[in-house]
Amino acid sequence: MTQRVDLATVMDRLAIDAVITGYAVAVDDGEWADYRALFTPDGRADYRGAGGVEGPAHEVAEWLARTMRLFPVRQHLVVNRRIGFQDLDGYPGDRAEVLADYVNPMRLENVTADSGDAEVRATAPNFVSGGRYAFSLSRTDSGWRIRTVTVHEKWRGPAGPSTAG
């Protein structure tokens, strides 16, 4: 490869990293227009591996908007990004595959109930899940965009220190 190709590949890696980070931030902040903008027009999202739905990204965004209301506090940590580019005889193409591990702490919505004599406020528990995202991306006129994202949840449990004695 030439220095020019190497530099272009570095720039592509940075742009793809920004898309993956933008994905996590859009979900965490509930910015569903931003989420939709990260996908190609025919982009798809598959959350079945974490108990969710699969379909066109714009429809999945609607499902996420409804579902994520239950979790007012969420913070994806996306790490260990492995980016592989389409190989065109030694030159990177316009497609990329990304595997990225995630840890996702979340808090369920607090519940308020009327016990008759007084209002009782219950603090909902925190929980955390972890797994791996598989992204397929394409270079478009607007930059790199997600063609597909698939969530492979590996584990889920309560957050915080164990109370087992």
N, C-alpha and C. Protein backbone atom coordinates (compact mmCIF):
# COMPACT_ATOMS: atom_id res chain seq x y z
N MET A 1 0.83 -1.19 0.00
CA MET A 1 0.00 0.00 0.00
C MET A 1 0.87 1.24 0.00
N THR A 2 0.31 2.28 -0.56
CA THR A 2 1.02 3.56 -0.57
C THR A 2 0.69 4.34 0.68
N GLN A 3 1.46 5.38 0.94
CA GLN A 3 1.17 6.24 2.09
C GLN A 3 -0.22 6.85 1.97
N ARG A 4 -0.62 7.19 0.75
CA ARG A 4 -1.93 7.80 0.54
C ARG A 4 -3.04 6.82 0.93
N VAL A 5 -2.90 5.55 0.55
CA VAL A 5 -3.89 4.54 0.91
C VAL A 5 -3.88 4.31 2.41
N ASP A 6 -2.70 4.26 3.01
CA ASP A 6 -2.60 4.10 4.46
C ASP A 6 -3.30 5.24 5.18
N LEU A 7 -3.07 6.47 4.74
CA LEU A 7 -3.71 7.62 5.36
C LEU A 7 -5.23 7.56 5.18
N ALA A 8 -5.69 7.19 4.00
CA ALA A 8 -7.14 7.07 3.75
C ALA A 8 -7.74 6.01 4.66
N THR A 9 -7.02 4.91 4.88
CA THR A 9 -7.51 3.85 5.76
C THR A 9 -7.61 4.34 7.20
N VAL A 10 -6.63 5.10 7.65
CA VAL A 10 -6.68 5.68 9.00
C VAL A 10 -7.89 6.61 9.11
N MET A 11 -8.11 7.42 8.10
CA MET A 11 -9.25 8.35 8.11
C MET A 11 -10.57 7.55 8.12
N ASP A 12 -10.63 6.47 7.37
CA ASP A 12 -11.83 5.62 7.38
C ASP A 12 -12.05 5.01 8.76
N ARG A 13 -10.99 4.55 9.39
CA ARG A 13 -11.12 3.97 10.74
C ARG A 13 -11.66 5.01 11.72
N LEU A 14 -11.17 6.22 11.64
CA LEU A 14 -11.66 7.28 12.52
C LEU A 14 -13.13 7.59 12.24
N ALA A 15 -13.50 7.62 10.96
CA ALA A 15 -14.89 7.91 10.60
C ALA A 15 -15.81 6.79 11.07
N ILE A 16 -15.38 5.54 10.93
CA ILE A 16 -16.19 4.41 11.39
C ILE A 16 -16.30 4.43 12.90
N ASP A 17 -15.21 4.74 13.58
CA ASP A 17 -15.25 4.85 15.04
C ASP A 17 -16.27 5.91 15.47
N ALA A 18 -16.33 7.02 14.75
CA ALA A 18 -17.30 8.07 15.07
C ALA A 18 -18.74 7.57 14.87
N VAL A 19 -18.97 6.75 13.86
CA VAL A 19 -20.31 6.20 13.63
C VAL A 19 -20.69 5.27 14.78
N ILE A 20 -19.78 4.40 15.20
CA ILE A 20 -20.07 3.45 16.29
C ILE A 20 -20.30 4.22 17.59
N THR A 21 -19.49 5.21 17.86
CA THR A 21 -19.70 6.03 19.06
C THR A 21 -21.03 6.78 18.96
N GLY A 22 -21.33 7.32 17.79
CA GLY A 22 -22.60 8.01 17.58
C GLY A 22 -23.79 7.11 17.81
N TYR A 23 -23.65 5.86 17.43
CA TYR A 23 -24.71 4.87 17.66
C TYR A 23 -24.99 4.73 19.16
N ALA A 24 -23.94 4.51 19.95
CA ALA A 24 -24.12 4.34 21.40
C ALA A 24 -24.70 5.60 22.04
N VAL A 25 -24.20 6.75 21.65
CA VAL A 25 -24.69 8.02 22.22
C VAL A 25 -26.15 8.25 21.84
N ALA A 26 -26.52 7.97 20.60
CA ALA A 26 -27.91 8.17 20.17
C ALA A 26 -28.86 7.30 20.98
N VAL A 27 -28.48 6.03 21.21
CA VAL A 27 -29.34 5.14 22.01
C VAL A 27 -29.39 5.62 23.46
N ASP A 28 -28.24 5.95 24.03
CA ASP A 28 -28.21 6.37 25.43
C ASP A 28 -28.97 7.67 25.66
N ASP A 29 -28.89 8.60 24.72
CA ASP A 29 -29.54 9.90 24.88
C ASP A 29 -30.96 9.93 24.31
N GLY A 30 -31.40 8.83 23.70
CA GLY A 30 -32.74 8.81 23.11
C GLY A 30 -32.89 9.74 21.93
N GLU A 31 -31.83 9.93 21.18
CA GLU A 31 -31.85 10.80 20.00
C GLU A 31 -32.14 9.94 18.77
N TRP A 32 -33.43 9.67 18.55
CA TRP A 32 -33.82 8.68 17.54
C TRP A 32 -33.65 9.20 16.12
N ALA A 33 -33.72 10.49 15.89
CA ALA A 33 -33.42 11.03 14.56
C ALA A 33 -31.94 10.82 14.25
N ASP A 34 -31.07 11.04 15.25
CA ASP A 34 -29.65 10.79 15.07
C ASP A 34 -29.38 9.31 14.80
N TYR A 35 -30.08 8.44 15.53
CA TYR A 35 -29.96 6.99 15.33
C TYR A 35 -30.29 6.63 13.88
N ARG A 36 -31.44 7.11 13.40
CA ARG A 36 -31.86 6.81 12.02
C ARG A 36 -30.84 7.31 11.00
N ALA A 37 -30.26 8.47 11.26
CA ALA A 37 -29.31 9.08 10.32
C ALA A 37 -28.01 8.29 10.20
N LEU A 38 -27.73 7.42 11.14
CA LEU A 38 -26.51 6.62 11.11
C LEU A 38 -26.61 5.44 10.13
N PHE A 39 -27.81 5.15 9.65
CA PHE A 39 -28.05 3.97 8.82
C PHE A 39 -28.18 4.34 7.35
N THR A 40 -27.87 3.38 6.50
CA THR A 40 -28.18 3.51 5.08
C THR A 40 -29.70 3.47 4.95
N PRO A 41 -30.26 3.95 3.83
CA PRO A 41 -31.72 3.93 3.67
C PRO A 41 -32.34 2.54 3.85
N ASP A 42 -31.60 1.49 3.50
CA ASP A 42 -32.12 0.13 3.66
C ASP A 42 -31.54 -0.55 4.91
N GLY A 43 -30.98 0.23 5.84
CA GLY A 43 -30.34 -0.31 7.03
C GLY A 43 -31.29 -1.09 7.91
N ARG A 44 -30.74 -2.09 8.58
CA ARG A 44 -31.53 -2.95 9.45
C ARG A 44 -30.83 -3.08 10.81
N ALA A 45 -31.64 -3.33 11.83
CA ALA A 45 -31.12 -3.55 13.18
C ALA A 45 -31.77 -4.81 13.75
N ASP A 46 -30.96 -5.61 14.44
CA ASP A 46 -31.42 -6.88 14.99
C ASP A 46 -31.07 -6.95 16.47
N TYR A 47 -32.09 -6.78 17.31
CA TYR A 47 -31.91 -6.83 18.76
C TYR A 47 -32.46 -8.12 19.36
N ARG A 48 -32.76 -9.11 18.52
CA ARG A 48 -33.34 -10.36 19.02
C ARG A 48 -32.41 -11.06 19.99
N GLY A 49 -31.09 -10.92 19.81
CA GLY A 49 -30.14 -11.54 20.71
C GLY A 49 -30.16 -10.97 22.12
N ALA A 50 -30.89 -9.88 22.32
CA ALA A 50 -31.05 -9.27 23.65
C ALA A 50 -32.53 -9.17 24.03
N GLY A 51 -33.36 -9.99 23.36
CA GLY A 51 -34.78 -10.02 23.69
C GLY A 51 -35.61 -8.99 22.96
N GLY A 52 -35.08 -8.40 21.90
CA GLY A 52 -35.79 -7.34 21.19
C GLY A 52 -36.33 -7.77 19.85
N VAL A 53 -36.33 -6.83 18.92
CA VAL A 53 -36.93 -7.03 17.60
C VAL A 53 -35.87 -6.91 16.52
N GLU A 54 -36.27 -7.24 15.29
CA GLU A 54 -35.42 -7.10 14.12
C GLU A 54 -36.25 -6.46 13.03
N GLY A 55 -35.61 -5.58 12.25
CA GLY A 55 -36.33 -4.97 11.14
C GLY A 55 -35.59 -3.77 10.59
N PRO A 56 -36.29 -3.04 9.70
CA PRO A 56 -35.70 -1.81 9.16
C PRO A 56 -35.34 -0.85 10.31
N ALA A 57 -34.21 -0.18 10.18
CA ALA A 57 -33.71 0.68 11.26
C ALA A 57 -34.74 1.73 11.68
N HIS A 58 -35.48 2.29 10.72
CA HIS A 58 -36.44 3.33 11.10
C HIS A 58 -37.57 2.74 11.95
N GLU A 59 -37.97 1.50 11.71
CA GLU A 59 -39.00 0.86 12.54
C GLU A 59 -38.43 0.45 13.89
N VAL A 60 -37.21 -0.06 13.90
CA VAL A 60 -36.57 -0.45 15.16
C VAL A 60 -36.37 0.78 16.04
N ALA A 61 -36.07 1.93 15.43
CA ALA A 61 -35.92 3.17 16.20
C ALA A 61 -37.21 3.50 16.94
N GLU A 62 -38.36 3.26 16.31
CA GLU A 62 -39.65 3.50 16.99
C GLU A 62 -39.81 2.55 18.17
N TRP A 63 -39.45 1.29 17.98
CA TRP A 63 -39.52 0.31 19.06
C TRP A 63 -38.58 0.72 20.21
N LEU A 64 -37.36 1.13 19.86
CA LEU A 64 -36.40 1.57 20.88
C LEU A 64 -36.94 2.78 21.64
N ALA A 65 -37.54 3.72 20.93
CA ALA A 65 -38.07 4.92 21.59
C ALA A 65 -39.10 4.54 22.65
N ARG A 66 -39.95 3.58 22.33
CA ARG A 66 -40.96 3.13 23.31
C ARG A 66 -40.31 2.35 24.45
N THR A 67 -39.43 1.42 24.11
CA THR A 67 -38.84 0.52 25.09
C THR A 67 -37.88 1.24 26.03
N MET A 68 -37.08 2.13 25.50
CA MET A 68 -36.06 2.79 26.31
C MET A 68 -36.64 3.78 27.32
N ARG A 69 -37.93 4.12 27.17
CA ARG A 69 -38.57 4.97 28.20
C ARG A 69 -38.56 4.27 29.56
N LEU A 70 -38.54 2.94 29.55
CA LEU A 70 -38.50 2.17 30.80
C LEU A 70 -37.15 2.30 31.51
N PHE A 71 -36.14 2.74 30.76
CA PHE A 71 -34.77 2.82 31.28
C PHE A 71 -34.26 4.24 31.12
N PRO A 72 -34.65 5.15 32.02
CA PRO A 72 -34.25 6.55 31.85
C PRO A 72 -32.75 6.78 31.99
N VAL A 73 -32.04 5.84 32.61
CA VAL A 73 -30.60 5.97 32.74
C VAL A 73 -29.96 4.78 32.02
N ARG A 74 -29.14 5.09 31.02
CA ARG A 74 -28.43 4.05 30.27
C ARG A 74 -27.13 4.64 29.75
N GLN A 75 -26.11 3.78 29.67
CA GLN A 75 -24.81 4.28 29.23
C GLN A 75 -24.01 3.14 28.61
N HIS A 76 -24.05 3.05 27.30
CA HIS A 76 -23.26 2.04 26.59
C HIS A 76 -21.78 2.38 26.66
N LEU A 77 -21.00 1.38 26.91
CA LEU A 77 -19.56 1.50 26.80
C LEU A 77 -19.17 0.51 25.71
N VAL A 78 -18.73 1.01 24.57
CA VAL A 78 -18.41 0.17 23.42
C VAL A 78 -16.89 0.15 23.27
N VAL A 79 -16.31 -1.06 23.35
CA VAL A 79 -14.86 -1.20 23.39
C VAL A 79 -14.40 -2.32 22.46
N ASN A 80 -13.08 -2.47 22.35
CA ASN A 80 -12.47 -3.56 21.59
C ASN A 80 -13.01 -3.62 20.16
N ARG A 81 -13.01 -2.48 19.52
CA ARG A 81 -13.51 -2.41 18.14
C ARG A 81 -12.51 -3.05 17.19
N ARG A 82 -12.99 -4.02 16.42
CA ARG A 82 -12.16 -4.68 15.41
C ARG A 82 -12.77 -4.38 14.05
N ILE A 83 -12.06 -3.64 13.25
CA ILE A 83 -12.57 -3.18 11.96
C ILE A 83 -11.87 -3.95 10.85
N GLY A 84 -12.67 -4.54 9.98
CA GLY A 84 -12.13 -5.22 8.80
C GLY A 84 -12.73 -4.59 7.55
N PHE A 85 -11.87 -4.21 6.62
CA PHE A 85 -12.33 -3.58 5.39
C PHE A 85 -12.44 -4.60 4.26
N GLN A 86 -13.36 -4.34 3.38
CA GLN A 86 -13.45 -5.09 2.13
C GLN A 86 -12.08 -4.97 1.44
N ASP A 87 -11.57 -6.07 0.92
CA ASP A 87 -10.26 -6.08 0.28
C ASP A 87 -10.42 -6.12 -1.23
N LEU A 88 -9.96 -5.07 -1.90
CA LEU A 88 -9.98 -5.00 -3.36
C LEU A 88 -8.54 -5.08 -3.85
N ASP A 89 -8.03 -6.31 -3.90
CA ASP A 89 -6.65 -6.54 -4.35
C ASP A 89 -5.64 -5.68 -3.60
N GLY A 90 -5.74 -5.68 -2.27
CA GLY A 90 -4.80 -4.94 -1.45
C GLY A 90 -5.23 -3.53 -1.11
N TYR A 91 -6.34 -3.09 -1.65
CA TYR A 91 -6.85 -1.75 -1.36
C TYR A 91 -8.19 -1.87 -0.64
N PRO A 92 -8.45 -0.99 0.32
CA PRO A 92 -9.73 -1.08 1.04
C PRO A 92 -10.89 -0.65 0.14
N GLY A 93 -11.98 -1.36 0.27
CA GLY A 93 -13.18 -1.04 -0.50
C GLY A 93 -14.13 -0.15 0.27
N ASP A 94 -15.37 -0.16 -0.16
CA ASP A 94 -16.40 0.72 0.42
C ASP A 94 -17.30 0.02 1.42
N ARG A 95 -16.84 -1.12 1.93
CA ARG A 95 -17.60 -1.85 2.95
C ARG A 95 -16.66 -2.21 4.09
N ALA A 96 -17.24 -2.29 5.28
CA ALA A 96 -16.45 -2.65 6.46
C ALA A 96 -17.32 -3.47 7.40
N GLU A 97 -16.67 -4.36 8.13
CA GLU A 97 -17.30 -5.15 9.18
C GLU A 97 -16.64 -4.76 10.49
N VAL A 98 -17.46 -4.55 11.52
CA VAL A 98 -16.93 -4.16 12.83
C VAL A 98 -17.53 -5.07 13.88
N LEU A 99 -16.67 -5.64 14.70
CA LEU A 99 -17.10 -6.34 15.91
C LEU A 99 -16.67 -5.46 17.08
N ALA A 100 -17.59 -5.21 17.98
CA ALA A 100 -17.30 -4.33 19.12
C ALA A 100 -18.00 -4.87 20.35
N ASP A 101 -17.25 -5.04 21.42
CA ASP A 101 -17.83 -5.50 22.68
C ASP A 101 -18.51 -4.34 23.38
N TYR A 102 -19.52 -4.66 24.18
CA TYR A 102 -20.21 -3.61 24.92
C TYR A 102 -20.52 -4.05 26.33
N VAL A 103 -20.60 -3.06 27.21
CA VAL A 103 -21.15 -3.19 28.56
C VAL A 103 -22.20 -2.11 28.64
N ASN A 104 -23.38 -2.46 29.13
CA ASN A 104 -24.50 -1.52 29.10
C ASN A 104 -25.21 -1.47 30.45
N PRO A 105 -24.74 -0.59 31.37
CA PRO A 105 -25.47 -0.39 32.61
C PRO A 105 -26.75 0.40 32.35
N MET A 106 -27.82 -0.01 33.02
CA MET A 106 -29.12 0.66 32.85
C MET A 106 -29.83 0.70 34.20
N ARG A 107 -30.77 1.65 34.30
CA ARG A 107 -31.60 1.75 35.49
C ARG A 107 -33.04 1.77 35.03
N LEU A 108 -33.83 0.90 35.65
CA LEU A 108 -35.27 0.90 35.37
C LEU A 108 -35.90 2.15 35.97
N GLU A 109 -37.02 2.53 35.42
CA GLU A 109 -37.74 3.70 35.90
C GLU A 109 -38.20 3.49 37.34
N ASN A 110 -38.07 4.52 38.17
CA ASN A 110 -38.57 4.44 39.54
C ASN A 110 -40.09 4.37 39.53
N VAL A 111 -40.64 3.71 40.53
CA VAL A 111 -42.07 3.50 40.61
C VAL A 111 -42.61 4.22 41.84
N THR A 112 -43.70 4.93 41.65
CA THR A 112 -44.37 5.58 42.76
C THR A 112 -45.75 4.95 42.92
N ALA A 113 -46.09 4.57 44.14
CA ALA A 113 -47.38 3.93 44.39
C ALA A 113 -48.05 4.59 45.60
N ASP A 114 -49.34 4.59 45.61
CA ASP A 114 -50.11 5.14 46.72
C ASP A 114 -50.53 3.98 47.61
N SER A 115 -50.03 3.95 48.85
CA SER A 115 -50.35 2.86 49.76
C SER A 115 -51.60 3.15 50.59
N GLY A 116 -52.30 4.20 50.27
CA GLY A 116 -53.49 4.55 51.03
C GLY A 116 -53.22 5.70 51.98
N ASP A 117 -52.25 5.54 52.88
CA ASP A 117 -51.91 6.57 53.85
C ASP A 117 -50.81 7.50 53.35
N ALA A 118 -49.95 6.97 52.51
CA ALA A 118 -48.82 7.78 52.04
C ALA A 118 -48.35 7.27 50.69
N GLU A 119 -47.69 8.15 50.00
CA GLU A 119 -47.10 7.77 48.72
C GLU A 119 -45.79 7.04 48.99
N VAL A 120 -45.61 5.90 48.35
CA VAL A 120 -44.40 5.11 48.52
C VAL A 120 -43.61 5.18 47.22
N ARG A 121 -42.35 5.54 47.35
CA ARG A 121 -41.49 5.62 46.17
C ARG A 121 -40.47 4.50 46.26
N ALA A 122 -40.51 3.61 45.28
CA ALA A 122 -39.57 2.50 45.23
C ALA A 122 -38.47 2.82 44.22
N THR A 123 -37.25 2.61 44.62
CA THR A 123 -36.13 2.82 43.71
C THR A 123 -35.91 1.55 42.92
N ALA A 124 -35.99 1.66 41.63
CA ALA A 124 -35.80 0.50 40.77
C ALA A 124 -34.33 0.08 40.77
N PRO A 125 -34.09 -1.19 40.55
CA PRO A 125 -32.71 -1.68 40.58
C PRO A 125 -31.95 -1.31 39.31
N ASN A 126 -30.65 -1.24 39.47
CA ASN A 126 -29.76 -1.13 38.32
C ASN A 126 -29.49 -2.53 37.80
N PHE A 127 -29.25 -2.64 36.50
CA PHE A 127 -28.74 -3.89 35.98
C PHE A 127 -27.78 -3.58 34.85
N VAL A 128 -27.04 -4.58 34.46
CA VAL A 128 -26.03 -4.39 33.43
C VAL A 128 -26.04 -5.61 32.51
N SER A 129 -25.77 -5.37 31.26
CA SER A 129 -25.63 -6.47 30.31
C SER A 129 -24.37 -6.25 29.49
N GLY A 130 -23.92 -7.31 28.88
CA GLY A 130 -22.72 -7.21 28.06
C GLY A 130 -22.80 -8.17 26.90
N GLY A 131 -22.06 -7.86 25.88
CA GLY A 131 -22.06 -8.72 24.71
C GLY A 131 -21.24 -8.12 23.60
N ARG A 132 -21.67 -8.41 22.38
CA ARG A 132 -20.93 -7.96 21.21
C ARG A 132 -21.88 -7.46 20.14
N TYR A 133 -21.53 -6.34 19.55
CA TYR A 133 -22.22 -5.83 18.37
C TYR A 133 -21.48 -6.31 17.13
N ALA A 134 -22.24 -6.65 16.10
CA ALA A 134 -21.68 -6.92 14.77
C ALA A 134 -22.28 -5.89 13.83
N PHE A 135 -21.44 -4.99 13.33
CA PHE A 135 -21.87 -3.94 12.42
C PHE A 135 -21.36 -4.24 11.01
N SER A 136 -22.19 -3.98 10.02
CA SER A 136 -21.75 -3.92 8.62
C SER A 136 -21.98 -2.50 8.18
N LEU A 137 -20.96 -1.88 7.60
CA LEU A 137 -21.06 -0.49 7.18
C LEU A 137 -20.73 -0.35 5.70
N SER A 138 -21.27 0.71 5.10
CA SER A 138 -20.97 1.05 3.71
C SER A 138 -20.56 2.51 3.65
N ARG A 139 -19.62 2.78 2.74
CA ARG A 139 -19.25 4.17 2.47
C ARG A 139 -20.34 4.73 1.54
N THR A 140 -20.90 5.87 1.89
CA THR A 140 -21.93 6.51 1.08
C THR A 140 -21.47 7.92 0.74
N ASP A 141 -22.26 8.63 -0.04
CA ASP A 141 -21.94 10.03 -0.34
C ASP A 141 -21.94 10.89 0.91
N SER A 142 -22.64 10.43 1.95
CA SER A 142 -22.71 11.16 3.23
C SER A 142 -21.71 10.64 4.26
N GLY A 143 -20.83 9.74 3.85
CA GLY A 143 -19.87 9.16 4.77
C GLY A 143 -20.24 7.71 5.08
N TRP A 144 -19.56 7.14 6.06
CA TRP A 144 -19.84 5.76 6.45
C TRP A 144 -21.18 5.68 7.15
N ARG A 145 -21.96 4.66 6.80
CA ARG A 145 -23.29 4.44 7.40
C ARG A 145 -23.44 2.96 7.71
N ILE A 146 -24.29 2.67 8.70
CA ILE A 146 -24.54 1.29 9.12
C ILE A 146 -25.55 0.65 8.16
N ARG A 147 -25.16 -0.50 7.61
CA ARG A 147 -26.10 -1.30 6.82
C ARG A 147 -26.88 -2.24 7.74
N THR A 148 -26.15 -2.87 8.67
CA THR A 148 -26.79 -3.75 9.65
C THR A 148 -26.06 -3.64 10.97
N VAL A 149 -26.82 -3.83 12.03
CA VAL A 149 -26.24 -4.02 13.36
C VAL A 149 -26.99 -5.18 14.00
N THR A 150 -26.23 -6.09 14.58
CA THR A 150 -26.81 -7.24 15.29
C THR A 150 -26.23 -7.25 16.69
N VAL A 151 -27.11 -7.39 17.67
CA VAL A 151 -26.70 -7.43 19.08
C VAL A 151 -26.63 -8.89 19.52
N HIS A 152 -25.48 -9.27 20.06
CA HIS A 152 -25.29 -10.61 20.62
C HIS A 152 -25.04 -10.44 22.12
N GLU A 153 -26.12 -10.42 22.90
CA GLU A 153 -25.97 -10.29 24.35
C GLU A 153 -25.39 -11.59 24.90
N LYS A 154 -24.35 -11.47 25.73
CA LYS A 154 -23.71 -12.65 26.31
C LYS A 154 -24.10 -12.87 27.76
N TRP A 155 -24.42 -11.80 28.47
CA TRP A 155 -24.76 -11.93 29.88
C TRP A 155 -25.58 -10.73 30.32
N ARG A 156 -26.28 -10.91 31.45
CA ARG A 156 -27.09 -9.86 32.05
C ARG A 156 -27.23 -10.16 33.52
N GLY A 157 -27.20 -9.12 34.36
CA GLY A 157 -27.37 -9.33 35.79
C GLY A 157 -27.49 -8.02 36.53
N PRO A 158 -27.68 -8.10 37.84
CA PRO A 158 -27.79 -6.87 38.64
C PRO A 158 -26.46 -6.14 38.66
N ALA A 159 -26.52 -4.83 38.73
CA ALA A 159 -25.30 -4.01 38.80
C ALA A 159 -24.95 -3.78 40.26
N GLY A 160 -23.71 -3.52 40.50
CA GLY A 160 -23.27 -3.17 41.84
C GLY A 160 -22.70 -4.37 42.58
N PRO A 161 -22.27 -4.13 43.81
CA PRO A 161 -21.65 -5.20 44.59
C PRO A 161 -22.64 -6.30 44.94
N SER A 162 -22.14 -7.48 45.05
CA SER A 162 -22.96 -8.63 45.41
C SER A 162 -23.35 -8.52 46.89
N THR A 163 -24.58 -8.92 47.20
CA THR A 163 -25.03 -8.89 48.59
C THR A 163 -24.95 -10.28 49.21
N ALA A 164 -24.42 -11.25 48.44
CA ALA A 164 -24.28 -12.61 48.98
C ALA A 164 -23.25 -12.61 50.09
N GLY A 165 -23.54 -13.30 51.15
CA GLY A 165 -22.64 -13.26 52.28
C GLY A 165 -21.98 -14.52 52.46
